[in-house]
Full PDB file with SEQRES, HELIX, SHEET, SSBOND, CRYST1, ORIGX, SCALE, CONECT and MASTER records, all heavy atoms in Angstrom:
SEQRES   1 A   31  ILE LEU VAL GLY ILE GLU ASN PRO PHE GLN GLY LYS LEU          
SEQRES   2 A   31  THR SER GLU GLN LEU ARG LYS ILE PHE SER GLY LYS VAL          
SEQRES   3 A   31  THR ASN TRP SER GLN                                          
HELIX    1 AA1 SER A   15  PHE A   22  1                                   8    
CRYST1    1.000    1.000    1.000  90.00  90.00  90.00 P 1           1          
ORIGX1      1.000000  0.000000  0.000000        0.00000                         
ORIGX2      0.000000  1.000000  0.000000        0.00000                         
ORIGX3      0.000000  0.000000  1.000000        0.00000                         
SCALE1      1.000000  0.000000  0.000000        0.00000                         
SCALE2      0.000000  1.000000  0.000000        0.00000                         
SCALE3      0.000000  0.000000  1.000000        0.00000                         
ATOM      1  N   ILE A   1       0.871  -1.169   0.000  1.00  0.00           N  
ATOM      2  CA  ILE A   1       0.000   0.000   0.000  1.00  0.00           C  
ATOM      3  C   ILE A   1       0.912   1.224   0.000  1.00  0.00           C  
ATOM      4  O   ILE A   1       1.669   1.435   0.948  1.00  0.00           O  
ATOM      5  CB  ILE A   1      -0.919   0.015   1.237  1.00  0.00           C  
ATOM      6  CG1 ILE A   1      -1.630  -1.331   1.383  1.00  0.00           C  
ATOM      7  CG2 ILE A   1      -1.909   1.168   1.130  1.00  0.00           C  
ATOM      8  CD1 ILE A   1      -2.424  -1.751   0.168  1.00  0.00           C  
ATOM      9  N   LEU A   2       0.837   2.019  -1.052  1.00  0.00           N  
ATOM     10  CA  LEU A   2       1.834   3.063  -1.283  1.00  0.00           C  
ATOM     11  C   LEU A   2       1.276   4.472  -1.160  1.00  0.00           C  
ATOM     12  O   LEU A   2       0.125   4.732  -1.527  1.00  0.00           O  
ATOM     13  CB  LEU A   2       2.433   2.915  -2.684  1.00  0.00           C  
ATOM     14  CG  LEU A   2       3.112   1.600  -3.030  1.00  0.00           C  
ATOM     15  CD1 LEU A   2       3.645   1.663  -4.447  1.00  0.00           C  
ATOM     16  CD2 LEU A   2       4.226   1.281  -2.050  1.00  0.00           C  
ATOM     17  N   VAL A   3       2.127   5.371  -0.660  1.00  0.00           N  
ATOM     18  CA  VAL A   3       1.890   6.812  -0.726  1.00  0.00           C  
ATOM     19  C   VAL A   3       3.180   7.455  -1.228  1.00  0.00           C  
ATOM     20  O   VAL A   3       4.250   6.847  -1.186  1.00  0.00           O  
ATOM     21  CB  VAL A   3       1.503   7.409   0.642  1.00  0.00           C  
ATOM     22  CG1 VAL A   3       0.171   6.850   1.124  1.00  0.00           C  
ATOM     23  CG2 VAL A   3       2.601   7.172   1.680  1.00  0.00           C  
ATOM     24  N   GLY A   4       3.071   8.688  -1.710  1.00  0.00           N  
ATOM     25  CA  GLY A   4       4.262   9.422  -2.144  1.00  0.00           C  
ATOM     26  C   GLY A   4       5.117   9.821  -0.964  1.00  0.00           C  
ATOM     27  O   GLY A   4       4.629   9.966   0.169  1.00  0.00           O  
ATOM     28  N   ILE A   5       6.404   9.999  -1.210  1.00  0.00           N  
ATOM     29  CA  ILE A   5       7.333  10.325  -0.131  1.00  0.00           C  
ATOM     30  C   ILE A   5       6.996  11.654   0.529  1.00  0.00           C  
ATOM     31  O   ILE A   5       7.318  11.880   1.705  1.00  0.00           O  
ATOM     32  CB  ILE A   5       8.792  10.331  -0.672  1.00  0.00           C  
ATOM     33  CG1 ILE A   5       9.796  10.276   0.470  1.00  0.00           C  
ATOM     34  CG2 ILE A   5       9.033  11.517  -1.579  1.00  0.00           C  
ATOM     35  CD1 ILE A   5       9.801   8.979   1.222  1.00  0.00           C  
ATOM     36  N   GLU A   6       6.300  12.543  -0.190  1.00  0.00           N  
ATOM     37  CA  GLU A   6       5.941  13.848   0.362  1.00  0.00           C  
ATOM     38  C   GLU A   6       4.557  13.862   1.014  1.00  0.00           C  
ATOM     39  O   GLU A   6       4.107  14.894   1.495  1.00  0.00           O  
ATOM     40  CB  GLU A   6       6.006  14.903  -0.739  1.00  0.00           C  
ATOM     41  CG  GLU A   6       7.405  15.113  -1.305  1.00  0.00           C  
ATOM     42  CD  GLU A   6       7.443  16.164  -2.399  1.00  0.00           C  
ATOM     43  OE1 GLU A   6       6.370  16.672  -2.765  1.00  0.00           O  
ATOM     44  OE2 GLU A   6       8.546  16.471  -2.889  1.00  0.00           O  
ATOM     45  N   ASN A   7       3.901  12.745   1.053  1.00  0.00           N  
ATOM     46  CA  ASN A   7       2.595  12.667   1.710  1.00  0.00           C  
ATOM     47  C   ASN A   7       2.783  12.874   3.209  1.00  0.00           C  
ATOM     48  O   ASN A   7       3.599  12.191   3.836  1.00  0.00           O  
ATOM     49  CB  ASN A   7       1.959  11.299   1.435  1.00  0.00           C  
ATOM     50  CG  ASN A   7       0.499  11.239   1.846  1.00  0.00           C  
ATOM     51  OD1 ASN A   7       0.112  11.653   2.926  1.00  0.00           O  
ATOM     52  ND2 ASN A   7      -0.330  10.696   0.960  1.00  0.00           N  
ATOM     53  N   PRO A   8       2.063  13.810   3.829  1.00  0.00           N  
ATOM     54  CA  PRO A   8       2.257  14.084   5.255  1.00  0.00           C  
ATOM     55  C   PRO A   8       1.763  12.965   6.169  1.00  0.00           C  
ATOM     56  O   PRO A   8       2.085  12.969   7.365  1.00  0.00           O  
ATOM     57  CB  PRO A   8       1.451  15.368   5.485  1.00  0.00           C  
ATOM     58  CG  PRO A   8       0.457  15.401   4.385  1.00  0.00           C  
ATOM     59  CD  PRO A   8       1.110  14.744   3.212  1.00  0.00           C  
ATOM     60  N   PHE A   9       1.011  12.010   5.659  1.00  0.00           N  
ATOM     61  CA  PHE A   9       0.510  10.923   6.511  1.00  0.00           C  
ATOM     62  C   PHE A   9       1.660  10.009   6.904  1.00  0.00           C  
ATOM     63  O   PHE A   9       2.322   9.414   6.062  1.00  0.00           O  
ATOM     64  CB  PHE A   9      -0.561  10.123   5.776  1.00  0.00           C  
ATOM     65  CG  PHE A   9      -1.135   8.992   6.594  1.00  0.00           C  
ATOM     66  CD1 PHE A   9      -2.016   9.251   7.631  1.00  0.00           C  
ATOM     67  CD2 PHE A   9      -0.790   7.668   6.334  1.00  0.00           C  
ATOM     68  CE1 PHE A   9      -2.549   8.220   8.397  1.00  0.00           C  
ATOM     69  CE2 PHE A   9      -1.316   6.633   7.083  1.00  0.00           C  
ATOM     70  CZ  PHE A   9      -2.195   6.912   8.122  1.00  0.00           C  
ATOM     71  N   GLN A  10       1.905   9.900   8.199  1.00  0.00           N  
ATOM     72  CA  GLN A  10       3.002   9.088   8.708  1.00  0.00           C  
ATOM     73  C   GLN A  10       2.507   7.895   9.522  1.00  0.00           C  
ATOM     74  O   GLN A  10       3.302   7.234  10.196  1.00  0.00           O  
ATOM     75  CB  GLN A  10       3.925   9.955   9.578  1.00  0.00           C  
ATOM     76  CG  GLN A  10       4.591  11.099   8.839  1.00  0.00           C  
ATOM     77  CD  GLN A  10       5.594  10.618   7.810  1.00  0.00           C  
ATOM     78  OE1 GLN A  10       6.263   9.598   8.014  1.00  0.00           O  
ATOM     79  NE2 GLN A  10       5.712  11.338   6.698  1.00  0.00           N  
ATOM     80  N   GLY A  11       1.240   7.637   9.472  1.00  0.00           N  
ATOM     81  CA  GLY A  11       0.661   6.584  10.290  1.00  0.00           C  
ATOM     82  C   GLY A  11       0.647   5.232   9.607  1.00  0.00           C  
ATOM     83  O   GLY A  11       1.375   4.980   8.653  1.00  0.00           O  
ATOM     84  N   LYS A  12      -0.215   4.380  10.110  1.00  0.00           N  
ATOM     85  CA  LYS A  12      -0.400   3.039   9.556  1.00  0.00           C  
ATOM     86  C   LYS A  12      -1.890   2.809   9.370  1.00  0.00           C  
ATOM     87  O   LYS A  12      -2.730   3.546   9.904  1.00  0.00           O  
ATOM     88  CB  LYS A  12       0.195   1.988  10.491  1.00  0.00           C  
ATOM     89  CG  LYS A  12      -0.325   2.069  11.921  1.00  0.00           C  
ATOM     90  CD  LYS A  12       0.459   1.165  12.842  1.00  0.00           C  
ATOM     91  CE  LYS A  12      -0.042   1.314  14.281  1.00  0.00           C  
ATOM     92  NZ  LYS A  12       0.755   0.494  15.226  1.00  0.00           N  
ATOM     93  N   LEU A  13      -2.215   1.787   8.605  1.00  0.00           N  
ATOM     94  CA  LEU A  13      -3.609   1.486   8.326  1.00  0.00           C  
ATOM     95  C   LEU A  13      -3.974   0.105   8.835  1.00  0.00           C  
ATOM     96  O   LEU A  13      -3.134  -0.802   8.860  1.00  0.00           O  
ATOM     97  CB  LEU A  13      -3.883   1.549   6.820  1.00  0.00           C  
ATOM     98  CG  LEU A  13      -3.724   2.895   6.117  1.00  0.00           C  
ATOM     99  CD1 LEU A  13      -3.939   2.725   4.621  1.00  0.00           C  
ATOM    100  CD2 LEU A  13      -4.680   3.934   6.692  1.00  0.00           C  
ATOM    101  N   THR A  14      -5.226  -0.027   9.242  1.00  0.00           N  
ATOM    102  CA  THR A  14      -5.773  -1.354   9.518  1.00  0.00           C  
ATOM    103  C   THR A  14      -6.448  -1.852   8.246  1.00  0.00           C  
ATOM    104  O   THR A  14      -6.740  -1.079   7.332  1.00  0.00           O  
ATOM    105  CB  THR A  14      -6.794  -1.308  10.660  1.00  0.00           C  
ATOM    106  OG1 THR A  14      -7.937  -0.541  10.232  1.00  0.00           O  
ATOM    107  CG2 THR A  14      -6.196  -0.670  11.908  1.00  0.00           C  
ATOM    108  N   SER A  15      -6.716  -3.142   8.198  1.00  0.00           N  
ATOM    109  CA  SER A  15      -7.392  -3.675   7.019  1.00  0.00           C  
ATOM    110  C   SER A  15      -8.793  -3.077   6.868  1.00  0.00           C  
ATOM    111  O   SER A  15      -9.271  -2.884   5.751  1.00  0.00           O  
ATOM    112  CB  SER A  15      -7.459  -5.201   7.076  1.00  0.00           C  
ATOM    113  OG  SER A  15      -7.772  -5.668   8.351  1.00  0.00           O  
ATOM    114  N   GLU A  16      -9.438  -2.756   7.994  1.00  0.00           N  
ATOM    115  CA  GLU A  16     -10.763  -2.142   7.914  1.00  0.00           C  
ATOM    116  C   GLU A  16     -10.678  -0.733   7.333  1.00  0.00           C  
ATOM    117  O   GLU A  16     -11.519  -0.335   6.510  1.00  0.00           O  
ATOM    118  CB  GLU A  16     -11.399  -2.096   9.304  1.00  0.00           C  
ATOM    119  CG  GLU A  16     -12.778  -1.470   9.352  1.00  0.00           C  
ATOM    120  CD  GLU A  16     -13.825  -2.266   8.576  1.00  0.00           C  
ATOM    121  OE1 GLU A  16     -13.579  -3.452   8.269  1.00  0.00           O  
ATOM    122  OE2 GLU A  16     -14.888  -1.699   8.271  1.00  0.00           O  
ATOM    123  N   GLN A  17      -9.672   0.024   7.747  1.00  0.00           N  
ATOM    124  CA  GLN A  17      -9.482   1.366   7.181  1.00  0.00           C  
ATOM    125  C   GLN A  17      -9.174   1.282   5.691  1.00  0.00           C  
ATOM    126  O   GLN A  17      -9.677   2.088   4.893  1.00  0.00           O  
ATOM    127  CB  GLN A  17      -8.349   2.082   7.920  1.00  0.00           C  
ATOM    128  CG  GLN A  17      -8.700   2.504   9.335  1.00  0.00           C  
ATOM    129  CD  GLN A  17      -7.494   3.032  10.093  1.00  0.00           C  
ATOM    130  OE1 GLN A  17      -6.360   2.586   9.898  1.00  0.00           O  
ATOM    131  NE2 GLN A  17      -7.734   3.996  10.976  1.00  0.00           N  
ATOM    132  N   LEU A  18      -8.357   0.313   5.306  1.00  0.00           N  
ATOM    133  CA  LEU A  18      -8.020   0.151   3.887  1.00  0.00           C  
ATOM    134  C   LEU A  18      -9.275  -0.155   3.078  1.00  0.00           C  
ATOM    135  O   LEU A  18      -9.474   0.397   1.992  1.00  0.00           O  
ATOM    136  CB  LEU A  18      -7.004  -0.978   3.728  1.00  0.00           C  
ATOM    137  CG  LEU A  18      -6.446  -1.184   2.319  1.00  0.00           C  
ATOM    138  CD1 LEU A  18      -5.609   0.014   1.884  1.00  0.00           C  
ATOM    139  CD2 LEU A  18      -5.615  -2.467   2.259  1.00  0.00           C  
ATOM    140  N   ARG A  19     -10.121  -1.021   3.591  1.00  0.00           N  
ATOM    141  CA  ARG A  19     -11.362  -1.354   2.895  1.00  0.00           C  
ATOM    142  C   ARG A  19     -12.249  -0.124   2.748  1.00  0.00           C  
ATOM    143  O   ARG A  19     -12.839   0.101   1.680  1.00  0.00           O  
ATOM    144  CB  ARG A  19     -12.114  -2.454   3.647  1.00  0.00           C  
ATOM    145  CG  ARG A  19     -13.429  -2.847   2.971  1.00  0.00           C  
ATOM    146  CD  ARG A  19     -14.052  -4.054   3.601  1.00  0.00           C  
ATOM    147  NE  ARG A  19     -14.481  -3.794   4.973  1.00  0.00           N  
ATOM    148  CZ  ARG A  19     -15.067  -4.694   5.755  1.00  0.00           C  
ATOM    149  NH1 ARG A  19     -15.263  -5.930   5.303  1.00  0.00           N  
ATOM    150  NH2 ARG A  19     -15.431  -4.387   6.981  1.00  0.00           N  
ATOM    151  N   LYS A  20     -12.333   0.685   3.785  1.00  0.00           N  
ATOM    152  CA  LYS A  20     -13.183   1.881   3.720  1.00  0.00           C  
ATOM    153  C   LYS A  20     -12.632   2.912   2.742  1.00  0.00           C  
ATOM    154  O   LYS A  20     -13.394   3.606   2.062  1.00  0.00           O  
ATOM    155  CB  LYS A  20     -13.342   2.485   5.111  1.00  0.00           C  
ATOM    156  CG  LYS A  20     -14.218   1.656   6.031  1.00  0.00           C  
ATOM    157  CD  LYS A  20     -14.398   2.321   7.392  1.00  0.00           C  
ATOM    158  CE  LYS A  20     -15.351   1.508   8.278  1.00  0.00           C  
ATOM    159  NZ  LYS A  20     -15.526   2.139   9.608  1.00  0.00           N  
ATOM    160  N   ILE A  21     -11.306   3.017   2.662  1.00  0.00           N  
ATOM    161  CA  ILE A  21     -10.705   3.955   1.707  1.00  0.00           C  
ATOM    162  C   ILE A  21     -11.027   3.538   0.277  1.00  0.00           C  
ATOM    163  O   ILE A  21     -11.487   4.340  -0.542  1.00  0.00           O  
ATOM    164  CB  ILE A  21      -9.177   4.041   1.916  1.00  0.00           C  
ATOM    165  CG1 ILE A  21      -8.859   4.778   3.222  1.00  0.00           C  
ATOM    166  CG2 ILE A  21      -8.509   4.752   0.736  1.00  0.00           C  
ATOM    167  CD1 ILE A  21      -7.391   4.748   3.597  1.00  0.00           C  
ATOM    168  N   PHE A  22     -10.812   2.268  -0.044  1.00  0.00           N  
ATOM    169  CA  PHE A  22     -10.970   1.833  -1.429  1.00  0.00           C  
ATOM    170  C   PHE A  22     -12.426   1.529  -1.801  1.00  0.00           C  
ATOM    171  O   PHE A  22     -12.724   1.351  -2.985  1.00  0.00           O  
ATOM    172  CB  PHE A  22     -10.054   0.648  -1.716  1.00  0.00           C  
ATOM    173  CG  PHE A  22      -8.637   1.072  -1.983  1.00  0.00           C  
ATOM    174  CD1 PHE A  22      -7.729   1.213  -0.948  1.00  0.00           C  
ATOM    175  CD2 PHE A  22      -8.217   1.370  -3.263  1.00  0.00           C  
ATOM    176  CE1 PHE A  22      -6.428   1.632  -1.185  1.00  0.00           C  
ATOM    177  CE2 PHE A  22      -6.925   1.792  -3.516  1.00  0.00           C  
ATOM    178  CZ  PHE A  22      -6.021   1.933  -2.479  1.00  0.00           C  
ATOM    179  N   SER A  23     -13.317   1.502  -0.829  1.00  0.00           N  
ATOM    180  CA  SER A  23     -14.738   1.410  -1.146  1.00  0.00           C  
ATOM    181  C   SER A  23     -15.386   2.791  -1.205  1.00  0.00           C  
ATOM    182  O   SER A  23     -16.568   2.912  -1.533  1.00  0.00           O  
ATOM    183  CB  SER A  23     -15.464   0.550  -0.108  1.00  0.00           C  
ATOM    184  OG  SER A  23     -15.402   1.141   1.176  1.00  0.00           O  
ATOM    185  N   GLY A  24     -14.582   3.841  -0.890  1.00  0.00           N  
ATOM    186  CA  GLY A  24     -15.074   5.209  -0.991  1.00  0.00           C  
ATOM    187  C   GLY A  24     -15.754   5.726   0.255  1.00  0.00           C  
ATOM    188  O   GLY A  24     -16.314   6.826   0.246  1.00  0.00           O  
ATOM    189  N   LYS A  25     -15.705   4.982   1.377  1.00  0.00           N  
ATOM    190  CA  LYS A  25     -16.363   5.417   2.602  1.00  0.00           C  
ATOM    191  C   LYS A  25     -15.497   6.369   3.429  1.00  0.00           C  
ATOM    192  O   LYS A  25     -16.011   7.138   4.231  1.00  0.00           O  
ATOM    193  CB  LYS A  25     -16.761   4.207   3.443  1.00  0.00           C  
ATOM    194  CG  LYS A  25     -17.810   3.322   2.766  1.00  0.00           C  
ATOM    195  CD  LYS A  25     -18.135   2.104   3.597  1.00  0.00           C  
ATOM    196  CE  LYS A  25     -19.174   1.230   2.897  1.00  0.00           C  
ATOM    197  NZ  LYS A  25     -19.478  -0.004   3.674  1.00  0.00           N  
ATOM    198  N   VAL A  26     -14.185   6.276   3.252  1.00  0.00           N  
ATOM    199  CA  VAL A  26     -13.247   7.211   3.876  1.00  0.00           C  
ATOM    200  C   VAL A  26     -12.603   8.014   2.759  1.00  0.00           C  
ATOM    201  O   VAL A  26     -12.009   7.440   1.845  1.00  0.00           O  
ATOM    202  CB  VAL A  26     -12.181   6.466   4.698  1.00  0.00           C  
ATOM    203  CG1 VAL A  26     -11.028   7.399   5.062  1.00  0.00           C  
ATOM    204  CG2 VAL A  26     -12.793   5.872   5.963  1.00  0.00           C  
ATOM    205  N   THR A  27     -12.713   9.329   2.828  1.00  0.00           N  
ATOM    206  CA  THR A  27     -12.277  10.175   1.717  1.00  0.00           C  
ATOM    207  C   THR A  27     -11.245  11.226   2.111  1.00  0.00           C  
ATOM    208  O   THR A  27     -10.781  11.971   1.257  1.00  0.00           O  
ATOM    209  CB  THR A  27     -13.485  10.886   1.093  1.00  0.00           C  
ATOM    210  OG1 THR A  27     -14.129  11.688   2.102  1.00  0.00           O  
ATOM    211  CG2 THR A  27     -14.489   9.877   0.538  1.00  0.00           C  
ATOM    212  N   ASN A  28     -10.907  11.293   3.392  1.00  0.00           N  
ATOM    213  CA  ASN A  28      -9.967  12.310   3.855  1.00  0.00           C  
ATOM    214  C   ASN A  28      -8.951  11.672   4.791  1.00  0.00           C  
ATOM    215  O   ASN A  28      -9.302  10.811   5.610  1.00  0.00           O  
ATOM    216  CB  ASN A  28     -10.718  13.433   4.573  1.00  0.00           C  
ATOM    217  CG  ASN A  28      -9.873  14.697   4.707  1.00  0.00           C  
ATOM    218  OD1 ASN A  28      -8.934  14.750   5.490  1.00  0.00           O  
ATOM    219  ND2 ASN A  28     -10.222  15.717   3.925  1.00  0.00           N  
ATOM    220  N   TRP A  29      -7.690  12.097   4.663  1.00  0.00           N  
ATOM    221  CA  TRP A  29      -6.638  11.529   5.501  1.00  0.00           C  
ATOM    222  C   TRP A  29      -6.882  11.776   6.987  1.00  0.00           C  
ATOM    223  O   TRP A  29      -6.421  11.008   7.837  1.00  0.00           O  
ATOM    224  CB  TRP A  29      -5.274  12.091   5.096  1.00  0.00           C  
ATOM    225  CG  TRP A  29      -4.758  11.515   3.816  1.00  0.00           C  
ATOM    226  CD1 TRP A  29      -4.685  12.123   2.596  1.00  0.00           C  
ATOM    227  CD2 TRP A  29      -4.252  10.189   3.620  1.00  0.00           C  
ATOM    228  NE1 TRP A  29      -4.166  11.274   1.647  1.00  0.00           N  
ATOM    229  CE2 TRP A  29      -3.891  10.064   2.246  1.00  0.00           C  
ATOM    230  CE3 TRP A  29      -4.069   9.092   4.465  1.00  0.00           C  
ATOM    231  CZ2 TRP A  29      -3.351   8.897   1.718  1.00  0.00           C  
ATOM    232  CZ3 TRP A  29      -3.543   7.921   3.935  1.00  0.00           C  
ATOM    233  CH2 TRP A  29      -3.193   7.836   2.573  1.00  0.00           C  
ATOM    234  N   SER A  30      -7.621  12.824   7.325  1.00  0.00           N  
ATOM    235  CA  SER A  30      -7.915  13.106   8.735  1.00  0.00           C  
ATOM    236  C   SER A  30      -8.768  12.010   9.360  1.00  0.00           C  
ATOM    237  O   SER A  30      -8.764  11.821  10.578  1.00  0.00           O  
ATOM    238  CB  SER A  30      -8.617  14.451   8.868  1.00  0.00           C  
ATOM    239  OG  SER A  30      -9.864  14.436   8.194  1.00  0.00           O  
ATOM    240  N   GLN A  31      -9.492  11.252   8.552  1.00  0.00           N  
ATOM    241  CA  GLN A  31     -10.352  10.184   9.058  1.00  0.00           C  
ATOM    242  C   GLN A  31      -9.559   8.947   9.494  1.00  0.00           C  
ATOM    243  O   GLN A  31     -10.118   8.059  10.148  1.00  0.00           O  
ATOM    244  CB  GLN A  31     -11.377   9.785   7.990  1.00  0.00           C  
ATOM    245  CG  GLN A  31     -12.386  10.877   7.667  1.00  0.00           C  
ATOM    246  CD  GLN A  31     -13.296  10.487   6.508  1.00  0.00           C  
ATOM    247  OE1 GLN A  31     -13.019  10.801   5.350  1.00  0.00           O  
ATOM    248  NE2 GLN A  31     -14.373   9.796   6.819  1.00  0.00           N  
TER     249      GLN A  31                                                      
MASTER        0    0    0    1    0    0    0    6  248    1    0    3          
END                                                                             
């Protein structure tokens, strides 16, 4: 699971968060 080197997100994801991102339920990095 990739982001650009300049992406300010420094955290990690759970499989549930990943599913919500790619299903369109999570749309902002703040979530």
